[in-house]
């Protein structure tokens, strides 16, 4: 399967922009696992951790986020967070 293009952005900076295997986002309705080919989707975020899996079976890289939203579109997954810390 092709990689998912993922961007994590705050008002201050671009935190990450990379092609990854999967990202799990902390939505207000629950956690959502996003992979390449996912249907268009949007959710607001709760405070929590975004888990980035660079390859299948890898340990996730975790980045704490507060507020914001996540959107899946043709170009991949974009997370716009109020703040983010590794």
PDB file of N, CA and C in Angstrom:
ATOM      1  N   UNK A   1       0.845  -1.182   0.000  1.00  0.00           N
ATOM      2  CA  UNK A   1       0.000   0.000   0.000  1.00  0.00           C
ATOM      3  C   UNK A   1       0.890   1.244   0.000  1.00  0.00           C
ATOM      4  N   UNK A   2       0.440   2.256  -0.694  1.00  0.00           N
ATOM      5  CA  UNK A   2       1.184   3.518  -0.772  1.00  0.00           C
ATOM      6  C   UNK A   2       1.206   4.200   0.594  1.00  0.00           C
ATOM      7  N   UNK A   3       2.175   5.074   0.764  1.00  0.00           N
ATOM      8  CA  UNK A   3       2.283   5.814   2.015  1.00  0.00           C
ATOM      9  C   UNK A   3       1.252   6.932   2.084  1.00  0.00           C
ATOM     10  N   UNK A   4       0.952   7.335   3.306  1.00  0.00           N
ATOM     11  CA  UNK A   4       0.039   8.435   3.601  1.00  0.00           C
ATOM     12  C   UNK A   4       0.865   9.698   3.799  1.00  0.00           C
ATOM     13  N   UNK A   5       0.513  10.778   3.104  1.00  0.00           N
ATOM     14  CA  UNK A   5       1.202  12.050   3.355  1.00  0.00           C
ATOM     15  C   UNK A   5       0.563  12.677   4.591  1.00  0.00           C
ATOM     16  N   UNK A   6       1.393  13.015   5.580  1.00  0.00           N
ATOM     17  CA  UNK A   6       0.924  13.533   6.866  1.00  0.00           C
ATOM     18  C   UNK A   6       1.591  14.866   7.166  1.00  0.00           C
ATOM     19  N   UNK A   7       0.775  15.840   7.564  1.00  0.00           N
ATOM     20  CA  UNK A   7       1.294  17.128   8.022  1.00  0.00           C
ATOM     21  C   UNK A   7       0.669  17.481   9.359  1.00  0.00           C
ATOM     22  N   UNK A   8       1.503  17.913  10.296  1.00  0.00           N
ATOM     23  CA  UNK A   8       1.061  18.408  11.594  1.00  0.00           C
ATOM     24  C   UNK A   8       1.504  19.861  11.691  1.00  0.00           C
ATOM     25  N   UNK A   9       0.521  20.756  11.847  1.00  0.00           N
ATOM     26  CA  UNK A   9       0.774  22.190  11.807  1.00  0.00           C
ATOM     27  C   UNK A   9       0.173  22.849  13.042  1.00  0.00           C
ATOM     28  N   UNK A  10       0.891  23.822  13.618  1.00  0.00           N
ATOM     29  CA  UNK A  10       0.368  24.676  14.686  1.00  0.00           C
ATOM     30  C   UNK A  10       0.372  26.108  14.148  1.00  0.00           C
ATOM     31  N   UNK A  11      -0.235  27.047  14.860  1.00  0.00           N
ATOM     32  CA  UNK A  11      -0.181  28.436  14.400  1.00  0.00           C
ATOM     33  C   UNK A  11       1.249  28.972  14.278  1.00  0.00           C
ATOM     34  N   UNK A  12       2.186  28.384  15.028  1.00  0.00           N
ATOM     35  CA  UNK A  12       3.574  28.859  15.046  1.00  0.00           C
ATOM     36  C   UNK A  12       4.475  28.223  14.000  1.00  0.00           C
ATOM     37  N   UNK A  13       4.194  26.946  13.651  1.00  0.00           N
ATOM     38  CA  UNK A  13       5.171  26.244  12.814  1.00  0.00           C
ATOM     39  C   UNK A  13       4.603  24.975  12.195  1.00  0.00           C
ATOM     40  N   UNK A  14       5.335  24.481  11.207  1.00  0.00           N
ATOM     41  CA  UNK A  14       5.087  23.169  10.635  1.00  0.00           C
ATOM     42  C   UNK A  14       5.881  22.183  11.486  1.00  0.00           C
ATOM     43  N   UNK A  15       5.182  21.329  12.223  1.00  0.00           N
ATOM     44  CA  UNK A  15       5.837  20.400  13.146  1.00  0.00           C
ATOM     45  C   UNK A  15       6.385  19.196  12.394  1.00  0.00           C
ATOM     46  N   UNK A  16       5.592  18.666  11.450  1.00  0.00           N
ATOM     47  CA  UNK A  16       6.017  17.491  10.696  1.00  0.00           C
ATOM     48  C   UNK A  16       5.337  17.477   9.339  1.00  0.00           C
ATOM     49  N   UNK A  17       6.066  17.066   8.328  1.00  0.00           N
ATOM     50  CA  UNK A  17       5.528  16.842   6.996  1.00  0.00           C
ATOM     51  C   UNK A  17       6.298  15.665   6.424  1.00  0.00           C
ATOM     52  N   UNK A  18       5.624  14.513   6.300  1.00  0.00           N
ATOM     53  CA  UNK A  18       6.326  13.301   5.893  1.00  0.00           C
ATOM     54  C   UNK A  18       5.336  12.285   5.359  1.00  0.00           C
ATOM     55  N   UNK A  19       5.836  11.310   4.631  1.00  0.00           N
ATOM     56  CA  UNK A  19       5.036  10.183   4.189  1.00  0.00           C
ATOM     57  C   UNK A  19       5.211   9.068   5.207  1.00  0.00           C
ATOM     58  N   UNK A  20       4.096   8.550   5.727  1.00  0.00           N
ATOM     59  CA  UNK A  20       4.119   7.560   6.801  1.00  0.00           C
ATOM     60  C   UNK A  20       3.164   6.418   6.472  1.00  0.00           C
ATOM     61  N   UNK A  21       3.205   5.373   7.288  1.00  0.00           N
ATOM     62  CA  UNK A  21       2.326   4.225   7.092  1.00  0.00           C
ATOM     63  C   UNK A  21       0.922   4.487   7.635  1.00  0.00           C
ATOM     64  N   UNK A  22       0.843   4.992   8.893  1.00  0.00           N
ATOM     65  CA  UNK A  22      -0.444   5.213   9.531  1.00  0.00           C
ATOM     66  C   UNK A  22      -0.293   6.261  10.630  1.00  0.00           C
ATOM     67  N   UNK A  23      -1.395   6.990  10.881  1.00  0.00           N
ATOM     68  CA  UNK A  23      -1.431   7.963  11.968  1.00  0.00           C
ATOM     69  C   UNK A  23      -2.718   7.731  12.748  1.00  0.00           C
ATOM     70  N   UNK A  24      -2.618   7.730  14.078  1.00  0.00           N
ATOM     71  CA  UNK A  24      -3.794   7.626  14.949  1.00  0.00           C
ATOM     72  C   UNK A  24      -3.980   8.990  15.607  1.00  0.00           C
ATOM     73  N   UNK A  25      -5.168   9.585  15.385  1.00  0.00           N
ATOM     74  CA  UNK A  25      -5.451  10.921  15.926  1.00  0.00           C
ATOM     75  C   UNK A  25      -6.488  10.826  17.037  1.00  0.00           C
ATOM     76  N   UNK A  26      -6.349  11.674  18.085  1.00  0.00           N
ATOM     77  CA  UNK A  26      -7.289  11.663  19.207  1.00  0.00           C
ATOM     78  C   UNK A  26      -8.508  12.556  18.927  1.00  0.00           C
ATOM     79  N   UNK A  27      -9.485  12.029  18.224  1.00  0.00           N
ATOM     80  CA  UNK A  27     -10.687  12.797  17.921  1.00  0.00           C
ATOM     81  C   UNK A  27     -11.612  12.906  19.117  1.00  0.00           C
ATOM     82  N   UNK A  28     -12.492  13.876  19.098  1.00  0.00           N
ATOM     83  CA  UNK A  28     -13.437  14.048  20.203  1.00  0.00           C
ATOM     84  C   UNK A  28     -14.420  12.885  20.293  1.00  0.00           C
ATOM     85  N   UNK A  29     -14.632  12.182  19.197  1.00  0.00           N
ATOM     86  CA  UNK A  29     -15.533  11.018  19.184  1.00  0.00           C
ATOM     87  C   UNK A  29     -14.783   9.707  19.397  1.00  0.00           C
ATOM     88  N   UNK A  30     -13.467   9.781  19.587  1.00  0.00           N
ATOM     89  CA  UNK A  30     -12.642   8.590  19.779  1.00  0.00           C
ATOM     90  C   UNK A  30     -11.420   8.647  18.883  1.00  0.00           C
ATOM     91  N   UNK A  31     -10.532   7.681  19.044  1.00  0.00           N
ATOM     92  CA  UNK A  31      -9.317   7.648  18.240  1.00  0.00           C
ATOM     93  C   UNK A  31      -9.620   7.108  16.851  1.00  0.00           C
ATOM     94  N   UNK A  32      -8.943   7.683  15.851  1.00  0.00           N
ATOM     95  CA  UNK A  32      -9.127   7.272  14.462  1.00  0.00           C
ATOM     96  C   UNK A  32      -7.780   6.911  13.863  1.00  0.00           C
ATOM     97  N   UNK A  33      -7.694   5.725  13.294  1.00  0.00           N
ATOM     98  CA  UNK A  33      -6.494   5.296  12.586  1.00  0.00           C
ATOM     99  C   UNK A  33      -6.650   5.643  11.109  1.00  0.00           C
ATOM    100  N   UNK A  34      -5.702   6.396  10.575  1.00  0.00           N
ATOM    101  CA  UNK A  34      -5.772   6.870   9.195  1.00  0.00           C
ATOM    102  C   UNK A  34      -4.608   6.269   8.410  1.00  0.00           C
ATOM    103  N   UNK A  35      -4.942   5.638   7.277  1.00  0.00           N
ATOM    104  CA  UNK A  35      -3.940   5.073   6.375  1.00  0.00           C
ATOM    105  C   UNK A  35      -4.194   5.620   4.981  1.00  0.00           C
ATOM    106  N   UNK A  36      -3.250   5.392   4.069  1.00  0.00           N
ATOM    107  CA  UNK A  36      -3.418   5.815   2.679  1.00  0.00           C
ATOM    108  C   UNK A  36      -4.709   5.223   2.129  1.00  0.00           C
ATOM    109  N   UNK A  37      -5.428   6.010   1.345  1.00  0.00           N
ATOM    110  CA  UNK A  37      -6.668   5.538   0.747  1.00  0.00           C
ATOM    111  C   UNK A  37      -7.899   5.752   1.608  1.00  0.00           C
ATOM    112  N   UNK A  38      -7.726   6.336   2.794  1.00  0.00           N
ATOM    113  CA  UNK A  38      -8.859   6.575   3.691  1.00  0.00           C
ATOM    114  C   UNK A  38      -9.860   7.514   3.015  1.00  0.00           C
ATOM    115  N   UNK A  39     -11.135   7.302   3.258  1.00  0.00           N
ATOM    116  CA  UNK A  39     -12.184   8.170   2.728  1.00  0.00           C
ATOM    117  C   UNK A  39     -12.047   9.570   3.311  1.00  0.00           C
ATOM    118  N   UNK A  40     -12.516  10.593   2.600  1.00  0.00           N
ATOM    119  CA  UNK A  40     -12.488  11.956   3.159  1.00  0.00           C
ATOM    120  C   UNK A  40     -13.150  11.966   4.532  1.00  0.00           C
ATOM    121  N   UNK A  41     -12.539  12.709   5.449  1.00  0.00           N
ATOM    122  CA  UNK A  41     -12.944  12.640   6.854  1.00  0.00           C
ATOM    123  C   UNK A  41     -12.478  13.891   7.569  1.00  0.00           C
ATOM    124  N   UNK A  42     -13.255  14.341   8.537  1.00  0.00           N
ATOM    125  CA  UNK A  42     -12.840  15.476   9.359  1.00  0.00           C
ATOM    126  C   UNK A  42     -13.328  15.251  10.785  1.00  0.00           C
ATOM    127  N   UNK A  43     -12.495  15.610  11.765  1.00  0.00           N
ATOM    128  CA  UNK A  43     -12.876  15.501  13.165  1.00  0.00           C
ATOM    129  C   UNK A  43     -12.197  16.601  13.963  1.00  0.00           C
ATOM    130  N   UNK A  44     -12.846  17.032  15.028  1.00  0.00           N
ATOM    131  CA  UNK A  44     -12.182  17.926  15.970  1.00  0.00           C
ATOM    132  C   UNK A  44     -11.331  17.069  16.890  1.00  0.00           C
ATOM    133  N   UNK A  45     -10.279  17.658  17.430  1.00  0.00           N
ATOM    134  CA  UNK A  45      -9.350  16.922  18.288  1.00  0.00           C
ATOM    135  C   UNK A  45      -9.603  17.213  19.754  1.00  0.00           C
ATOM    136  N   UNK A  46      -9.380  16.210  20.569  1.00  0.00           N
ATOM    137  CA  UNK A  46      -9.328  16.408  22.011  1.00  0.00           C
ATOM    138  C   UNK A  46      -7.846  16.447  22.374  1.00  0.00           C
ATOM    139  N   UNK A  47      -7.530  16.951  23.543  1.00  0.00           N
ATOM    140  CA  UNK A  47      -6.138  16.937  23.989  1.00  0.00           C
ATOM    141  C   UNK A  47      -5.692  15.488  24.111  1.00  0.00           C
ATOM    142  N   UNK A  48      -4.536  15.180  23.559  1.00  0.00           N
ATOM    143  CA  UNK A  48      -4.032  13.811  23.601  1.00  0.00           C
ATOM    144  C   UNK A  48      -2.775  13.673  22.772  1.00  0.00           C
ATOM    145  N   UNK A  49      -2.527  12.465  22.301  1.00  0.00           N
ATOM    146  CA  UNK A  49      -1.320  12.187  21.529  1.00  0.00           C
ATOM    147  C   UNK A  49      -1.679  11.715  20.129  1.00  0.00           C
ATOM    148  N   UNK A  50      -0.958  12.246  19.157  1.00  0.00           N
ATOM    149  CA  UNK A  50      -0.999  11.734  17.794  1.00  0.00           C
ATOM    150  C   UNK A  50       0.088  10.668  17.729  1.00  0.00           C
ATOM    151  N   UNK A  51      -0.261   9.478  17.250  1.00  0.00           N
ATOM    152  CA  UNK A  51       0.713   8.389  17.125  1.00  0.00           C
ATOM    153  C   UNK A  51       1.037   8.202  15.644  1.00  0.00           C
ATOM    154  N   UNK A  52       2.309   8.348  15.285  1.00  0.00           N
ATOM    155  CA  UNK A  52       2.751   8.255  13.898  1.00  0.00           C
ATOM    156  C   UNK A  52       3.539   6.969  13.715  1.00  0.00           C
ATOM    157  N   UNK A  53       3.041   6.109  12.840  1.00  0.00           N
ATOM    158  CA  UNK A  53       3.707   4.852  12.513  1.00  0.00           C
ATOM    159  C   UNK A  53       4.397   5.039  11.167  1.00  0.00           C
ATOM    160  N   UNK A  54       5.711   5.088  11.167  1.00  0.00           N
ATOM    161  CA  UNK A  54       6.446   5.327   9.919  1.00  0.00           C
ATOM    162  C   UNK A  54       6.406   4.119   8.990  1.00  0.00           C
ATOM    163  N   UNK A  55       6.375   2.912   9.559  1.00  0.00           N
ATOM    164  CA  UNK A  55       6.268   1.689   8.768  1.00  0.00           C
ATOM    165  C   UNK A  55       5.344   0.722   9.490  1.00  0.00           C
ATOM    166  N   UNK A  56       4.852  -0.272   8.751  1.00  0.00           N
ATOM    167  CA  UNK A  56       3.976  -1.270   9.349  1.00  0.00           C
ATOM    168  C   UNK A  56       4.732  -2.025  10.437  1.00  0.00           C
ATOM    169  N   UNK A  57       4.120  -2.150  11.618  1.00  0.00           N
ATOM    170  CA  UNK A  57       4.718  -2.884  12.721  1.00  0.00           C
ATOM    171  C   UNK A  57       5.721  -2.088  13.545  1.00  0.00           C
ATOM    172  N   UNK A  58       6.006  -0.846  13.150  1.00  0.00           N
ATOM    173  CA  UNK A  58       6.975  -0.015  13.879  1.00  0.00           C
ATOM    174  C   UNK A  58       6.362   0.509  15.177  1.00  0.00           C
ATOM    175  N   UNK A  59       7.221   0.868  16.119  1.00  0.00           N
ATOM    176  CA  UNK A  59       6.765   1.553  17.325  1.00  0.00           C
ATOM    177  C   UNK A  59       6.364   2.969  16.930  1.00  0.00           C
ATOM    178  N   UNK A  60       5.270   3.484  17.489  1.00  0.00           N
ATOM    179  CA  UNK A  60       4.832   4.816  17.082  1.00  0.00           C
ATOM    180  C   UNK A  60       5.672   5.937  17.686  1.00  0.00           C
ATOM    181  N   UNK A  61       5.791   6.988  16.913  1.00  0.00           N
ATOM    182  CA  UNK A  61       6.352   8.246  17.393  1.00  0.00           C
ATOM    183  C   UNK A  61       5.156   9.033  17.914  1.00  0.00           C
ATOM    184  N   UNK A  62       5.228   9.579  19.121  1.00  0.00           N
ATOM    185  CA  UNK A  62       4.071  10.243  19.727  1.00  0.00           C
ATOM    186  C   UNK A  62       4.324  11.736  19.901  1.00  0.00           C
ATOM    187  N   UNK A  63       3.323  12.516  19.520  1.00  0.00           N
ATOM    188  CA  UNK A  63       3.390  13.968  19.682  1.00  0.00           C
ATOM    189  C   UNK A  63       2.116  14.407  20.397  1.00  0.00           C
ATOM    190  N   UNK A  64       2.276  15.079  21.535  1.00  0.00           N
ATOM    191  CA  UNK A  64       1.127  15.581  22.294  1.00  0.00           C
ATOM    192  C   UNK A  64       0.550  16.797  21.584  1.00  0.00           C
ATOM    193  N   UNK A  65      -0.784  16.812  21.470  1.00  0.00           N
ATOM    194  CA  UNK A  65      -1.464  17.944  20.839  1.00  0.00           C
ATOM    195  C   UNK A  65      -2.580  18.446  21.741  1.00  0.00           C
ATOM    196  N   UNK A  66      -2.903  19.728  21.592  1.00  0.00           N
ATOM    197  CA  UNK A  66      -4.066  20.295  22.274  1.00  0.00           C
ATOM    198  C   UNK A  66      -4.935  20.955  21.219  1.00  0.00           C
ATOM    199  N   UNK A  67      -6.226  20.661  21.288  1.00  0.00           N
ATOM    200  CA  UNK A  67      -7.214  21.278  20.419  1.00  0.00           C
ATOM    201  C   UNK A  67      -6.921  21.160  18.939  1.00  0.00           C
ATOM    202  N   UNK A  68      -7.833  21.690  18.131  1.00  0.00           N
ATOM    203  CA  UNK A  68      -7.645  21.720  16.692  1.00  0.00           C
ATOM    204  C   UNK A  68      -8.550  20.734  15.982  1.00  0.00           C
ATOM    205  N   UNK A  69      -8.141  20.367  14.763  1.00  0.00           N
ATOM    206  CA  UNK A  69      -8.910  19.390  14.009  1.00  0.00           C
ATOM    207  C   UNK A  69      -8.009  18.638  13.044  1.00  0.00           C
ATOM    208  N   UNK A  70      -8.536  17.531  12.523  1.00  0.00           N
ATOM    209  CA  UNK A  70      -7.831  16.709  11.553  1.00  0.00           C
ATOM    210  C   UNK A  70      -8.713  16.544  10.330  1.00  0.00           C
ATOM    211  N   UNK A  71      -8.079  16.559   9.157  1.00  0.00           N
ATOM    212  CA  UNK A  71      -8.816  16.411   7.909  1.00  0.00           C
ATOM    213  C   UNK A  71      -8.075  15.459   6.979  1.00  0.00           C
ATOM    214  N   UNK A  72      -8.822  14.503   6.419  1.00  0.00           N
ATOM    215  CA  UNK A  72      -8.279  13.612   5.404  1.00  0.00           C
ATOM    216  C   UNK A  72      -8.866  14.050   4.071  1.00  0.00           C
ATOM    217  N   UNK A  73      -8.010  14.272   3.096  1.00  0.00           N
ATOM    218  CA  UNK A  73      -8.439  14.656   1.756  1.00  0.00           C
ATOM    219  C   UNK A  73      -7.582  13.954   0.723  1.00  0.00           C
ATOM    220  N   UNK A  74      -7.656  14.414  -0.504  1.00  0.00           N
ATOM    221  CA  UNK A  74      -6.903  13.805  -1.604  1.00  0.00           C
ATOM    222  C   UNK A  74      -5.400  13.859  -1.376  1.00  0.00           C
ATOM    223  N   UNK A  75      -4.930  14.885  -0.679  1.00  0.00           N
ATOM    224  CA  UNK A  75      -3.486  15.053  -0.471  1.00  0.00           C
ATOM    225  C   UNK A  75      -2.989  14.388   0.798  1.00  0.00           C
ATOM    226  N   UNK A  76      -3.852  13.701   1.546  1.00  0.00           N
ATOM    227  CA  UNK A  76      -3.421  13.009   2.753  1.00  0.00           C
ATOM    228  C   UNK A  76      -4.108  13.535   3.993  1.00  0.00           C
ATOM    229  N   UNK A  77      -3.416  13.410   5.134  1.00  0.00           N
ATOM    230  CA  UNK A  77      -3.943  13.812   6.435  1.00  0.00           C
ATOM    231  C   UNK A  77      -3.253  15.081   6.902  1.00  0.00           C
ATOM    232  N   UNK A  78      -4.069  16.077   7.255  1.00  0.00           N
ATOM    233  CA  UNK A  78      -3.549  17.299   7.846  1.00  0.00           C
ATOM    234  C   UNK A  78      -4.137  17.458   9.230  1.00  0.00           C
ATOM    235  N   UNK A  79      -3.271  17.654  10.228  1.00  0.00           N
ATOM    236  CA  UNK A  79      -3.706  17.919  11.590  1.00  0.00           C
ATOM    237  C   UNK A  79      -3.321  19.364  11.894  1.00  0.00           C
ATOM    238  N   UNK A  80      -4.325  20.176  12.203  1.00  0.00           N
ATOM    239  CA  UNK A  80      -4.103  21.555  12.610  1.00  0.00           C
ATOM    240  C   UNK A  80      -4.386  21.624  14.108  1.00  0.00           C
ATOM    241  N   UNK A  81      -3.327  21.740  14.896  1.00  0.00           N
ATOM    242  CA  UNK A  81      -3.449  21.718  16.354  1.00  0.00           C
ATOM    243  C   UNK A  81      -3.133  23.086  16.935  1.00  0.00           C
ATOM    244  N   UNK A  82      -3.749  23.381  18.086  1.00  0.00           N
ATOM    245  CA  UNK A  82      -3.450  24.632  18.782  1.00  0.00           C
ATOM    246  C   UNK A  82      -2.016  24.644  19.256  1.00  0.00           C
ATOM    247  N   UNK A  83      -1.534  23.478  19.743  1.00  0.00           N
ATOM    248  CA  UNK A  83      -0.122  23.333  20.118  1.00  0.00           C
ATOM    249  C   UNK A  83       0.279  21.874  19.976  1.00  0.00           C
ATOM    250  N   UNK A  84       1.586  21.649  19.856  1.00  0.00           N
ATOM    251  CA  UNK A  84       2.116  20.285  19.701  1.00  0.00           C
ATOM    252  C   UNK A  84       3.501  20.221  20.307  1.00  0.00           C
ATOM    253  N   UNK A  85       3.762  19.136  21.064  1.00  0.00           N
ATOM    254  CA  UNK A  85       5.075  18.913  21.683  1.00  0.00           C
ATOM    255  C   UNK A  85       5.448  17.448  21.581  1.00  0.00           C
ATOM    256  N   UNK A  86       6.676  17.202  21.151  1.00  0.00           N
ATOM    257  CA  UNK A  86       7.159  15.825  21.013  1.00  0.00           C
ATOM    258  C   UNK A  86       7.385  15.201  22.384  1.00  0.00           C
TER     259      UNK A  86
END
